[in-house]
Amino acid sequence: MQATCSVTVTSSTVSVTGVRLNTNSVNLTVGNTATLTATISPENATNKSVTWSTSNDEVVTVVDGVVTAVGAGTATITVTTQDGGFKAECAVTVKAATVNVESVSLDITNKTLEIGGTVT
């Protein structure tokens, strides 16, 4: 006697159900960077690919989660999952870099004035 059994093997995929970022707001100064980390749910999701975007590339740029402040203002960084199109956002505020005054000088070093006189 002989018995047969038909077996079909399929690959098991686990769909993404969400994404979150390690923070929902960042404050930067022009020239500085911050790194955002996206966490995909569930942890064993098959396709963890994401894309990053900025709402204003004159304020910040983003490459693989690394946010670089390029100009003063506000922008939103968005991460989107390839599987399911789930999104998470981070608000970014960028302020201009401060410049410390190193010296002050006058164009006149000696001036005599009469009472009521002025000099610029």
PDB file of N, CA and C in Angstrom:
ATOM      1  N   MET A   1       0.819  -1.169   0.000  1.00  0.00           N
ATOM      2  CA  MET A   1       0.000   0.000   0.000  1.00  0.00           C
ATOM      3  C   MET A   1       0.871   1.243   0.000  1.00  0.00           C
ATOM      4  N   GLN A   2       0.272   2.219  -0.571  1.00  0.00           N
ATOM      5  CA  GLN A   2       0.990   3.490  -0.660  1.00  0.00           C
ATOM      6  C   GLN A   2      -0.016   4.620  -0.491  1.00  0.00           C
ATOM      7  N   ALA A   3       0.404   5.661   0.243  1.00  0.00           N
ATOM      8  CA  ALA A   3      -0.430   6.855   0.415  1.00  0.00           C
ATOM      9  C   ALA A   3       0.366   8.047  -0.076  1.00  0.00           C
ATOM     10  N   THR A   4      -0.297   8.989  -0.640  1.00  0.00           N
ATOM     11  CA  THR A   4       0.386  10.198  -1.109  1.00  0.00           C
ATOM     12  C   THR A   4      -0.238  11.411  -0.439  1.00  0.00           C
ATOM     13  N   CYS A   5       0.572  12.399  -0.322  1.00  0.00           N
ATOM     14  CA  CYS A   5       0.125  13.660   0.278  1.00  0.00           C
ATOM     15  C   CYS A   5       0.715  14.787  -0.543  1.00  0.00           C
ATOM     16  N   SER A   6      -0.082  15.725  -0.913  1.00  0.00           N
ATOM     17  CA  SER A   6       0.384  16.883  -1.672  1.00  0.00           C
ATOM     18  C   SER A   6       0.710  18.006  -0.681  1.00  0.00           C
ATOM     19  N   VAL A   7       1.922  18.570  -0.769  1.00  0.00           N
ATOM     20  CA  VAL A   7       2.365  19.632   0.129  1.00  0.00           C
ATOM     21  C   VAL A   7       2.646  20.871  -0.698  1.00  0.00           C
ATOM     22  N   THR A   8       2.099  21.986  -0.300  1.00  0.00           N
ATOM     23  CA  THR A   8       2.368  23.264  -0.940  1.00  0.00           C
ATOM     24  C   THR A   8       3.108  24.132   0.062  1.00  0.00           C
ATOM     25  N   VAL A   9       4.257  24.651  -0.360  1.00  0.00           N
ATOM     26  CA  VAL A   9       5.054  25.507   0.512  1.00  0.00           C
ATOM     27  C   VAL A   9       4.878  26.937   0.037  1.00  0.00           C
ATOM     28  N   THR A  10       4.498  27.799   0.940  1.00  0.00           N
ATOM     29  CA  THR A  10       4.362  29.215   0.611  1.00  0.00           C
ATOM     30  C   THR A  10       5.243  30.011   1.568  1.00  0.00           C
ATOM     31  N   SER A  11       5.655  31.158   1.113  1.00  0.00           N
ATOM     32  CA  SER A  11       6.454  31.994   2.010  1.00  0.00           C
ATOM     33  C   SER A  11       5.493  32.731   2.927  1.00  0.00           C
ATOM     34  N   SER A  12       5.861  32.799   4.147  1.00  0.00           N
ATOM     35  CA  SER A  12       5.035  33.447   5.152  1.00  0.00           C
ATOM     36  C   SER A  12       5.452  34.908   5.250  1.00  0.00           C
ATOM     37  N   THR A  13       4.536  35.812   4.981  1.00  0.00           N
ATOM     38  CA  THR A  13       4.853  37.231   5.109  1.00  0.00           C
ATOM     39  C   THR A  13       4.071  37.814   6.272  1.00  0.00           C
ATOM     40  N   VAL A  14       4.728  38.714   6.963  1.00  0.00           N
ATOM     41  CA  VAL A  14       4.090  39.403   8.078  1.00  0.00           C
ATOM     42  C   VAL A  14       3.955  40.861   7.659  1.00  0.00           C
ATOM     43  N   SER A  15       2.730  41.333   7.576  1.00  0.00           N
ATOM     44  CA  SER A  15       2.457  42.708   7.130  1.00  0.00           C
ATOM     45  C   SER A  15       2.768  43.728   8.220  1.00  0.00           C
ATOM     46  N   VAL A  16       3.157  44.914   7.776  1.00  0.00           N
ATOM     47  CA  VAL A  16       3.378  46.035   8.680  1.00  0.00           C
ATOM     48  C   VAL A  16       2.024  46.524   9.179  1.00  0.00           C
ATOM     49  N   THR A  17       1.966  46.872  10.464  1.00  0.00           N
ATOM     50  CA  THR A  17       0.729  47.406  11.029  1.00  0.00           C
ATOM     51  C   THR A  17       0.895  48.835  11.535  1.00  0.00           C
ATOM     52  N   GLY A  18       2.115  49.362  11.494  1.00  0.00           N
ATOM     53  CA  GLY A  18       2.334  50.738  11.938  1.00  0.00           C
ATOM     54  C   GLY A  18       3.801  51.094  11.989  1.00  0.00           C
ATOM     55  N   VAL A  19       4.049  52.375  12.241  1.00  0.00           N
ATOM     56  CA  VAL A  19       5.408  52.890  12.385  1.00  0.00           C
ATOM     57  C   VAL A  19       5.368  54.034  13.383  1.00  0.00           C
ATOM     58  N   ARG A  20       6.435  54.178  14.153  1.00  0.00           N
ATOM     59  CA  ARG A  20       6.560  55.310  15.072  1.00  0.00           C
ATOM     60  C   ARG A  20       7.992  55.799  15.061  1.00  0.00           C
ATOM     61  N   LEU A  21       8.172  57.044  15.460  1.00  0.00           N
ATOM     62  CA  LEU A  21       9.504  57.642  15.543  1.00  0.00           C
ATOM     63  C   LEU A  21       9.929  57.752  16.997  1.00  0.00           C
ATOM     64  N   ASN A  22      11.233  57.838  17.223  1.00  0.00           N
ATOM     65  CA  ASN A  22      11.764  57.932  18.578  1.00  0.00           C
ATOM     66  C   ASN A  22      11.451  59.273  19.246  1.00  0.00           C
ATOM     67  N   THR A  23      11.008  60.268  18.480  1.00  0.00           N
ATOM     68  CA  THR A  23      10.595  61.557  19.042  1.00  0.00           C
ATOM     69  C   THR A  23       9.601  62.204  18.089  1.00  0.00           C
ATOM     70  N   ASN A  24       8.760  63.093  18.619  1.00  0.00           N
ATOM     71  CA  ASN A  24       7.809  63.767  17.736  1.00  0.00           C
ATOM     72  C   ASN A  24       8.127  65.237  17.530  1.00  0.00           C
ATOM     73  N   SER A  25       9.218  65.717  18.147  1.00  0.00           N
ATOM     74  CA  SER A  25       9.664  67.087  17.895  1.00  0.00           C
ATOM     75  C   SER A  25      11.158  67.214  18.160  1.00  0.00           C
ATOM     76  N   VAL A  26      11.791  68.099  17.376  1.00  0.00           N
ATOM     77  CA  VAL A  26      13.230  68.330  17.485  1.00  0.00           C
ATOM     78  C   VAL A  26      13.480  69.823  17.304  1.00  0.00           C
ATOM     79  N   ASN A  27      14.383  70.379  18.122  1.00  0.00           N
ATOM     80  CA  ASN A  27      14.830  71.760  17.972  1.00  0.00           C
ATOM     81  C   ASN A  27      16.304  71.725  17.584  1.00  0.00           C
ATOM     82  N   LEU A  28      16.649  72.428  16.500  1.00  0.00           N
ATOM     83  CA  LEU A  28      18.020  72.444  16.008  1.00  0.00           C
ATOM     84  C   LEU A  28      18.464  73.874  15.722  1.00  0.00           C
ATOM     85  N   THR A  29      19.768  74.043  15.615  1.00  0.00           N
ATOM     86  CA  THR A  29      20.368  75.281  15.148  1.00  0.00           C
ATOM     87  C   THR A  29      20.943  74.993  13.766  1.00  0.00           C
ATOM     88  N   VAL A  30      20.891  75.988  12.879  1.00  0.00           N
ATOM     89  CA  VAL A  30      21.403  75.806  11.523  1.00  0.00           C
ATOM     90  C   VAL A  30      22.793  75.182  11.570  1.00  0.00           C
ATOM     91  N   GLY A  31      22.981  74.131  10.769  1.00  0.00           N
ATOM     92  CA  GLY A  31      24.264  73.429  10.700  1.00  0.00           C
ATOM     93  C   GLY A  31      24.312  72.169  11.544  1.00  0.00           C
ATOM     94  N   ASN A  32      23.381  72.021  12.473  1.00  0.00           N
ATOM     95  CA  ASN A  32      23.366  70.838  13.341  1.00  0.00           C
ATOM     96  C   ASN A  32      22.503  69.729  12.752  1.00  0.00           C
ATOM     97  N   THR A  33      22.656  68.526  13.307  1.00  0.00           N
ATOM     98  CA  THR A  33      21.892  67.374  12.834  1.00  0.00           C
ATOM     99  C   THR A  33      21.247  66.648  14.004  1.00  0.00           C
ATOM    100  N   ALA A  34      20.247  65.847  13.675  1.00  0.00           N
ATOM    101  CA  ALA A  34      19.598  64.951  14.641  1.00  0.00           C
ATOM    102  C   ALA A  34      19.278  63.675  13.881  1.00  0.00           C
ATOM    103  N   THR A  35      19.276  62.555  14.580  1.00  0.00           N
ATOM    104  CA  THR A  35      18.954  61.278  13.950  1.00  0.00           C
ATOM    105  C   THR A  35      17.619  60.777  14.471  1.00  0.00           C
ATOM    106  N   LEU A  36      16.701  60.534  13.526  1.00  0.00           N
ATOM    107  CA  LEU A  36      15.403  59.961  13.860  1.00  0.00           C
ATOM    108  C   LEU A  36      15.449  58.469  13.590  1.00  0.00           C
ATOM    109  N   THR A  37      14.834  57.698  14.473  1.00  0.00           N
ATOM    110  CA  THR A  37      14.789  56.251  14.321  1.00  0.00           C
ATOM    111  C   THR A  37      13.339  55.820  14.173  1.00  0.00           C
ATOM    112  N   ALA A  38      13.067  55.099  13.086  1.00  0.00           N
ATOM    113  CA  ALA A  38      11.719  54.581  12.850  1.00  0.00           C
ATOM    114  C   ALA A  38      11.635  53.153  13.381  1.00  0.00           C
ATOM    115  N   THR A  39      10.564  52.859  14.112  1.00  0.00           N
ATOM    116  CA  THR A  39      10.321  51.518  14.617  1.00  0.00           C
ATOM    117  C   THR A  39       9.068  50.981  13.940  1.00  0.00           C
ATOM    118  N   ILE A  40       9.238  49.870  13.242  1.00  0.00           N
ATOM    119  CA  ILE A  40       8.147  49.232  12.501  1.00  0.00           C
ATOM    120  C   ILE A  40       7.428  48.236  13.403  1.00  0.00           C
ATOM    121  N   SER A  41       6.106  48.212  13.289  1.00  0.00           N
ATOM    122  CA  SER A  41       5.301  47.213  14.002  1.00  0.00           C
ATOM    123  C   SER A  41       4.621  46.311  12.978  1.00  0.00           C
ATOM    124  N   PRO A  42       4.550  45.035  13.259  1.00  0.00           N
ATOM    125  CA  PRO A  42       5.192  44.343  14.370  1.00  0.00           C
ATOM    126  C   PRO A  42       6.692  44.193  14.118  1.00  0.00           C
ATOM    127  N   GLU A  43       7.387  43.824  15.163  1.00  0.00           N
ATOM    128  CA  GLU A  43       8.844  43.704  15.080  1.00  0.00           C
ATOM    129  C   GLU A  43       9.291  42.704  14.022  1.00  0.00           C
ATOM    130  N   ASN A  44       8.487  41.685  13.766  1.00  0.00           N
ATOM    131  CA  ASN A  44       8.861  40.646  12.794  1.00  0.00           C
ATOM    132  C   ASN A  44       8.244  40.880  11.405  1.00  0.00           C
ATOM    133  N   ALA A  45       7.866  42.127  11.111  1.00  0.00           N
ATOM    134  CA  ALA A  45       7.314  42.444   9.790  1.00  0.00           C
ATOM    135  C   ALA A  45       8.325  42.066   8.709  1.00  0.00           C
ATOM    136  N   THR A  46       7.808  41.568   7.616  1.00  0.00           N
ATOM    137  CA  THR A  46       8.668  41.097   6.535  1.00  0.00           C
ATOM    138  C   THR A  46       9.377  42.245   5.812  1.00  0.00           C
ATOM    139  N   ASN A  47       8.631  43.286   5.456  1.00  0.00           N
ATOM    140  CA  ASN A  47       9.197  44.401   4.684  1.00  0.00           C
ATOM    141  C   ASN A  47       9.273  45.635   5.587  1.00  0.00           C
ATOM    142  N   LYS A  48      10.472  45.953   6.040  1.00  0.00           N
ATOM    143  CA  LYS A  48      10.667  47.091   6.933  1.00  0.00           C
ATOM    144  C   LYS A  48      11.199  48.322   6.199  1.00  0.00           C
ATOM    145  N   SER A  49      11.083  48.340   4.879  1.00  0.00           N
ATOM    146  CA  SER A  49      11.570  49.476   4.094  1.00  0.00           C
ATOM    147  C   SER A  49      10.715  50.713   4.333  1.00  0.00           C
ATOM    148  N   VAL A  50      11.386  51.870   4.445  1.00  0.00           N
ATOM    149  CA  VAL A  50      10.693  53.142   4.647  1.00  0.00           C
ATOM    150  C   VAL A  50      11.293  54.201   3.730  1.00  0.00           C
ATOM    151  N   THR A  51      10.522  55.253   3.517  1.00  0.00           N
ATOM    152  CA  THR A  51      11.037  56.432   2.814  1.00  0.00           C
ATOM    153  C   THR A  51      10.904  57.623   3.753  1.00  0.00           C
ATOM    154  N   TRP A  52      11.827  58.572   3.617  1.00  0.00           N
ATOM    155  CA  TRP A  52      11.859  59.762   4.449  1.00  0.00           C
ATOM    156  C   TRP A  52      11.589  60.977   3.566  1.00  0.00           C
ATOM    157  N   SER A  53      10.864  61.965   4.110  1.00  0.00           N
ATOM    158  CA  SER A  53      10.623  63.195   3.352  1.00  0.00           C
ATOM    159  C   SER A  53      10.548  64.380   4.304  1.00  0.00           C
ATOM    160  N   THR A  54      10.762  65.574   3.745  1.00  0.00           N
ATOM    161  CA  THR A  54      10.670  66.819   4.503  1.00  0.00           C
ATOM    162  C   THR A  54       9.620  67.702   3.855  1.00  0.00           C
ATOM    163  N   SER A  55       8.920  68.471   4.669  1.00  0.00           N
ATOM    164  CA  SER A  55       7.922  69.386   4.136  1.00  0.00           C
ATOM    165  C   SER A  55       8.553  70.675   3.622  1.00  0.00           C
ATOM    166  N   ASN A  56       9.810  70.936   4.000  1.00  0.00           N
ATOM    167  CA  ASN A  56      10.472  72.170   3.585  1.00  0.00           C
ATOM    168  C   ASN A  56      11.980  71.946   3.534  1.00  0.00           C
ATOM    169  N   ASP A  57      12.501  71.690   2.327  1.00  0.00           N
ATOM    170  CA  ASP A  57      13.940  71.411   2.205  1.00  0.00           C
ATOM    171  C   ASP A  57      14.814  72.660   2.300  1.00  0.00           C
ATOM    172  N   GLU A  58      14.198  73.829   2.464  1.00  0.00           N
ATOM    173  CA  GLU A  58      14.980  75.039   2.738  1.00  0.00           C
ATOM    174  C   GLU A  58      15.242  75.194   4.232  1.00  0.00           C
ATOM    175  N   VAL A  59      14.551  74.385   5.040  1.00  0.00           N
ATOM    176  CA  VAL A  59      14.750  74.400   6.492  1.00  0.00           C
ATOM    177  C   VAL A  59      15.560  73.185   6.932  1.00  0.00           C
ATOM    178  N   VAL A  60      15.129  71.988   6.500  1.00  0.00           N
ATOM    179  CA  VAL A  60      15.846  70.763   6.842  1.00  0.00           C
ATOM    180  C   VAL A  60      15.867  69.803   5.664  1.00  0.00           C
ATOM    181  N   THR A  61      16.913  68.981   5.646  1.00  0.00           N
ATOM    182  CA  THR A  61      16.979  67.859   4.712  1.00  0.00           C
ATOM    183  C   THR A  61      16.985  66.594   5.553  1.00  0.00           C
ATOM    184  N   VAL A  62      16.622  65.463   4.922  1.00  0.00           N
ATOM    185  CA  VAL A  62      16.628  64.197   5.650  1.00  0.00           C
ATOM    186  C   VAL A  62      17.092  63.096   4.716  1.00  0.00           C
ATOM    187  N   VAL A  63      18.065  62.308   5.195  1.00  0.00           N
ATOM    188  CA  VAL A  63      18.580  61.150   4.462  1.00  0.00           C
ATOM    189  C   VAL A  63      18.708  60.006   5.466  1.00  0.00           C
ATOM    190  N   ASP A  64      17.959  58.940   5.227  1.00  0.00           N
ATOM    191  CA  ASP A  64      17.991  57.762   6.105  1.00  0.00           C
ATOM    192  C   ASP A  64      17.811  58.121   7.577  1.00  0.00           C
ATOM    193  N   GLY A  65      16.939  59.090   7.855  1.00  0.00           N
ATOM    194  CA  GLY A  65      16.645  59.468   9.231  1.00  0.00           C
ATOM    195  C   GLY A  65      17.547  60.529   9.820  1.00  0.00           C
ATOM    196  N   VAL A  66      18.611  60.909   9.112  1.00  0.00           N
ATOM    197  CA  VAL A  66      19.502  61.955   9.609  1.00  0.00           C
ATOM    198  C   VAL A  66      18.975  63.305   9.096  1.00  0.00           C
ATOM    199  N   VAL A  67      18.554  64.141  10.032  1.00  0.00           N
ATOM    200  CA  VAL A  67      17.968  65.441   9.725  1.00  0.00           C
ATOM    201  C   VAL A  67      19.059  66.497   9.854  1.00  0.00           C
ATOM    202  N   THR A  68      19.236  67.309   8.803  1.00  0.00           N
ATOM    203  CA  THR A  68      20.240  68.372   8.816  1.00  0.00           C
ATOM    204  C   THR A  68      19.545  69.719   8.706  1.00  0.00           C
ATOM    205  N   ALA A  69      19.811  70.617   9.649  1.00  0.00           N
ATOM    206  CA  ALA A  69      19.223  71.951   9.646  1.00  0.00           C
ATOM    207  C   ALA A  69      19.994  72.838   8.669  1.00  0.00           C
ATOM    208  N   VAL A  70      19.279  73.397   7.671  1.00  0.00           N
ATOM    209  CA  VAL A  70      19.932  74.220   6.656  1.00  0.00           C
ATOM    210  C   VAL A  70      19.466  75.670   6.663  1.00  0.00           C
ATOM    211  N   GLY A  71      18.350  75.974   7.321  1.00  0.00           N
ATOM    212  CA  GLY A  71      17.846  77.341   7.376  1.00  0.00           C
ATOM    213  C   GLY A  71      16.842  77.486   8.502  1.00  0.00           C
ATOM    214  N   ALA A  72      16.677  78.708   8.983  1.00  0.00           N
ATOM    215  CA  ALA A  72      15.748  78.952  10.088  1.00  0.00           C
ATOM    216  C   ALA A  72      14.309  78.744   9.628  1.00  0.00           C
ATOM    217  N   GLY A  73      13.487  78.202  10.524  1.00  0.00           N
ATOM    218  CA  GLY A  73      12.075  77.993  10.218  1.00  0.00           C
ATOM    219  C   GLY A  73      11.572  76.693  10.812  1.00  0.00           C
ATOM    220  N   THR A  74      10.442  76.211  10.279  1.00  0.00           N
ATOM    221  CA  THR A  74       9.861  74.960  10.760  1.00  0.00           C
ATOM    222  C   THR A  74       9.599  74.030   9.577  1.00  0.00           C
ATOM    223  N   ALA A  75       9.606  72.751   9.858  1.00  0.00           N
ATOM    224  CA  ALA A  75       9.326  71.734   8.837  1.00  0.00           C
ATOM    225  C   ALA A  75       8.850  70.478   9.537  1.00  0.00           C
ATOM    226  N   THR A  76       8.266  69.590   8.753  1.00  0.00           N
ATOM    227  CA  THR A  76       7.827  68.295   9.271  1.00  0.00           C
ATOM    228  C   THR A  76       8.557  67.196   8.524  1.00  0.00           C
ATOM    229  N   ILE A  77       9.161  66.290   9.271  1.00  0.00           N
ATOM    230  CA  ILE A  77       9.791  65.107   8.685  1.00  0.00           C
ATOM    231  C   ILE A  77       8.770  63.984   8.751  1.00  0.00           C
ATOM    232  N   THR A  78       8.599  63.285   7.630  1.00  0.00           N
ATOM    233  CA  THR A  78       7.641  62.173   7.572  1.00  0.00           C
ATOM    234  C   THR A  78       8.369  60.907   7.157  1.00  0.00           C
ATOM    235  N   VAL A  79       8.110  59.818   7.881  1.00  0.00           N
ATOM    236  CA  VAL A  79       8.602  58.501   7.489  1.00  0.00           C
ATOM    237  C   VAL A  79       7.379  57.698   7.067  1.00  0.00           C
ATOM    238  N   THR A  80       7.503  56.995   5.922  1.00  0.00           N
ATOM    239  CA  THR A  80       6.388  56.227   5.366  1.00  0.00           C
ATOM    240  C   THR A  80       6.851  54.806   5.087  1.00  0.00           C
ATOM    241  N   THR A  81       6.068  53.832   5.545  1.00  0.00           N
ATOM    242  CA  THR A  81       6.423  52.436   5.302  1.00  0.00           C
ATOM    243  C   THR A  81       6.078  52.067   3.866  1.00  0.00           C
ATOM    244  N   GLN A  82       6.928  51.249   3.265  1.00  0.00           N
ATOM    245  CA  GLN A  82       6.657  50.766   1.913  1.00  0.00           C
ATOM    246  C   GLN A  82       5.461  49.811   1.941  1.00  0.00           C
ATOM    247  N   ASP A  83       5.397  48.985   2.965  1.00  0.00           N
ATOM    248  CA  ASP A  83       4.300  48.036   3.128  1.00  0.00           C
ATOM    249  C   ASP A  83       3.174  48.718   3.903  1.00  0.00           C
ATOM    250  N   GLY A  84       2.083  49.023   3.249  1.00  0.00           N
ATOM    251  CA  GLY A  84       0.918  49.594   3.919  1.00  0.00           C
ATOM    252  C   GLY A  84       0.831  51.100   3.935  1.00  0.00           C
ATOM    253  N   GLY A  85       1.927  51.798   3.654  1.00  0.00           N
ATOM    254  CA  GLY A  85       1.896  53.262   3.619  1.00  0.00           C
ATOM    255  C   GLY A  85       1.625  53.928   4.959  1.00  0.00           C
ATOM    256  N   PHE A  86       2.026  53.289   6.054  1.00  0.00           N
ATOM    257  CA  PHE A  86       1.852  53.891   7.375  1.00  0.00           C
ATOM    258  C   PHE A  86       2.836  55.042   7.539  1.00  0.00           C
ATOM    259  N   LYS A  87       2.416  56.096   8.274  1.00  0.00           N
ATOM    260  CA  LYS A  87       3.244  57.299   8.414  1.00  0.00           C
ATOM    261  C   LYS A  87       3.423  57.686   9.874  1.00  0.00           C
ATOM    262  N   ALA A  88       4.566  58.319  10.143  1.00  0.00           N
ATOM    263  CA  ALA A  88       4.826  58.958  11.436  1.00  0.00           C
ATOM    264  C   ALA A  88       5.527  60.271  11.125  1.00  0.00           C
ATOM    265  N   GLU A  89       5.290  61.280  11.976  1.00  0.00           N
ATOM    266  CA  GLU A  89       5.846  62.604  11.711  1.00  0.00           C
ATOM    267  C   GLU A  89       6.609  63.150  12.910  1.00  0.00           C
ATOM    268  N   CYS A  90       7.537  64.041  12.593  1.00  0.00           N
ATOM    269  CA  CYS A  90       8.310  64.745  13.613  1.00  0.00           C
ATOM    270  C   CYS A  90       8.381  66.213  13.216  1.00  0.00           C
ATOM    271  N   ALA A  91       7.963  67.100  14.120  1.00  0.00           N
ATOM    272  CA  ALA A  91       8.034  68.542  13.878  1.00  0.00           C
ATOM    273  C   ALA A  91       9.444  69.022  14.204  1.00  0.00           C
ATOM    274  N   VAL A  92      10.021  69.802  13.281  1.00  0.00           N
ATOM    275  CA  VAL A  92      11.383  70.305  13.473  1.00  0.00           C
ATOM    276  C   VAL A  92      11.358  71.831  13.453  1.00  0.00           C
ATOM    277  N   THR A  93      11.963  72.427  14.466  1.00  0.00           N
ATOM    278  CA  THR A  93      12.126  73.878  14.528  1.00  0.00           C
ATOM    279  C   THR A  93      13.609  74.182  14.457  1.00  0.00           C
ATOM    280  N   VAL A  94      13.975  75.055  13.521  1.00  0.00           N
ATOM    281  CA  VAL A  94      15.382  75.411  13.340  1.00  0.00           C
ATOM    282  C   VAL A  94      15.542  76.900  13.586  1.00  0.00           C
ATOM    283  N   LYS A  95      16.503  77.240  14.440  1.00  0.00           N
ATOM    284  CA  LYS A  95      16.810  78.653  14.661  1.00  0.00           C
ATOM    285  C   LYS A  95      18.167  78.962  14.041  1.00  0.00           C
ATOM    286  N   ALA A  96      18.348  80.228  13.695  1.00  0.00           N
ATOM    287  CA  ALA A  96      19.602  80.661  13.091  1.00  0.00           C
ATOM    288  C   ALA A  96      20.734  80.522  14.107  1.00  0.00           C
ATOM    289  N   ALA A  97      21.902  80.231  13.603  1.00  0.00           N
ATOM    290  CA  ALA A  97      23.076  80.135  14.474  1.00  0.00           C
ATOM    291  C   ALA A  97      23.398  81.517  15.024  1.00  0.00           C
ATOM    292  N   THR A  98      23.766  81.575  16.287  1.00  0.00           N
ATOM    293  CA  THR A  98      24.141  82.854  16.876  1.00  0.00           C
ATOM    294  C   THR A  98      25.612  83.120  16.599  1.00  0.00           C
ATOM    295  N   VAL A  99      25.902  84.389  16.395  1.00  0.00           N
ATOM    296  CA  VAL A  99      27.279  84.792  16.133  1.00  0.00           C
ATOM    297  C   VAL A  99      27.715  85.690  17.273  1.00  0.00           C
ATOM    298  N   ASN A 100      28.795  85.332  17.916  1.00  0.00           N
ATOM    299  CA  ASN A 100      29.319  86.144  19.011  1.00  0.00           C
ATOM    300  C   ASN A 100      30.139  87.297  18.458  1.00  0.00           C
ATOM    301  N   VAL A 101      29.928  88.482  19.012  1.00  0.00           N
ATOM    302  CA  VAL A 101      30.708  89.654  18.617  1.00  0.00           C
ATOM    303  C   VAL A 101      32.093  89.516  19.219  1.00  0.00           C
ATOM    304  N   GLU A 102      33.102  89.645  18.369  1.00  0.00           N
ATOM    305  CA  GLU A 102      34.478  89.501  18.847  1.00  0.00           C
ATOM    306  C   GLU A 102      35.143  90.838  19.138  1.00  0.00           C
ATOM    307  N   SER A 103      34.688  91.899  18.440  1.00  0.00           N
ATOM    308  CA  SER A 103      35.287  93.203  18.696  1.00  0.00           C
ATOM    309  C   SER A 103      34.350  94.300  18.182  1.00  0.00           C
ATOM    310  N   VAL A 104      34.582  95.500  18.671  1.00  0.00           N
ATOM    311  CA  VAL A 104      33.852  96.684  18.235  1.00  0.00           C
ATOM    312  C   VAL A 104      34.877  97.767  17.974  1.00  0.00           C
ATOM    313  N   SER A 105      34.671  98.524  16.908  1.00  0.00           N
ATOM    314  CA  SER A 105      35.597  99.627  16.629  1.00  0.00           C
ATOM    315  C   SER A 105      34.808 100.837  16.158  1.00  0.00           C
ATOM    316  N   LEU A 106      35.397 101.993  16.310  1.00  0.00           N
ATOM    317  CA  LEU A 106      34.792 103.254  15.854  1.00  0.00           C
ATOM    318  C   LEU A 106      35.618 103.808  14.710  1.00  0.00           C
ATOM    319  N   ASP A 107      34.967 104.569  13.842  1.00  0.00           N
ATOM    320  CA  ASP A 107      35.698 105.160  12.723  1.00  0.00           C
ATOM    321  C   ASP A 107      36.336 106.493  13.105  1.00  0.00           C
ATOM    322  N   ILE A 108      36.017 107.000  14.302  1.00  0.00           N
ATOM    323  CA  ILE A 108      36.625 108.236  14.799  1.00  0.00           C
ATOM    324  C   ILE A 108      37.253 107.909  16.141  1.00  0.00           C
ATOM    325  N   THR A 109      38.501 108.276  16.308  1.00  0.00           N
ATOM    326  CA  THR A 109      39.157 107.989  17.582  1.00  0.00           C
ATOM    327  C   THR A 109      39.266 109.229  18.461  1.00  0.00           C
ATOM    328  N   ASN A 110      39.114 110.428  17.882  1.00  0.00           N
ATOM    329  CA  ASN A 110      39.250 111.656  18.661  1.00  0.00           C
ATOM    330  C   ASN A 110      38.424 112.740  17.977  1.00  0.00           C
ATOM    331  N   LYS A 111      37.531 113.384  18.719  1.00  0.00           N
ATOM    332  CA  LYS A 111      36.691 114.431  18.137  1.00  0.00           C
ATOM    333  C   LYS A 111      36.379 115.450  19.220  1.00  0.00           C
ATOM    334  N   THR A 112      36.505 116.735  18.893  1.00  0.00           N
ATOM    335  CA  THR A 112      36.155 117.792  19.809  1.00  0.00           C
ATOM    336  C   THR A 112      34.812 118.376  19.382  1.00  0.00           C
ATOM    337  N   LEU A 113      33.903 118.533  20.335  1.00  0.00           N
ATOM    338  CA  LEU A 113      32.571 119.054  20.047  1.00  0.00           C
ATOM    339  C   LEU A 113      32.313 120.289  20.900  1.00  0.00           C
ATOM    340  N   GLU A 114      31.547 121.188  20.329  1.00  0.00           N
ATOM    341  CA  GLU A 114      31.064 122.325  21.103  1.00  0.00           C
ATOM    342  C   GLU A 114      29.776 121.878  21.788  1.00  0.00           C
ATOM    343  N   ILE A 115      29.362 122.600  22.838  1.00  0.00           N
ATOM    344  CA  ILE A 115      28.138 122.259  23.561  1.00  0.00           C
ATOM    345  C   ILE A 115      26.984 122.233  22.576  1.00  0.00           C
ATOM    346  N   GLY A 116      26.205 121.143  22.630  1.00  0.00           N
ATOM    347  CA  GLY A 116      25.055 120.977  21.741  1.00  0.00           C
ATOM    348  C   GLY A 116      25.434 120.366  20.405  1.00  0.00           C
ATOM    349  N   GLY A 117      26.710 120.146  20.145  1.00  0.00           N
ATOM    350  CA  GLY A 117      27.146 119.550  18.872  1.00  0.00           C
ATOM    351  C   GLY A 117      26.928 118.037  18.875  1.00  0.00           C
ATOM    352  N   THR A 118      26.905 117.448  17.695  1.00  0.00           N
ATOM    353  CA  THR A 118      26.728 116.019  17.569  1.00  0.00           C
ATOM    354  C   THR A 118      27.759 115.466  16.601  1.00  0.00           C
ATOM    355  N   VAL A 119      27.975 114.187  16.683  1.00  0.00           N
ATOM    356  CA  VAL A 119      28.856 113.485  15.760  1.00  0.00           C
ATOM    357  C   VAL A 119      28.260 112.111  15.511  1.00  0.00           C
ATOM    358  N   THR A 120      28.394 111.630  14.314  1.00  0.00           N
ATOM    359  CA  THR A 120      27.909 110.295  13.976  1.00  0.00           C
ATOM    360  C   THR A 120      29.086 109.392  13.714  1.00  0.00           C
TER     361      THR A 120
END
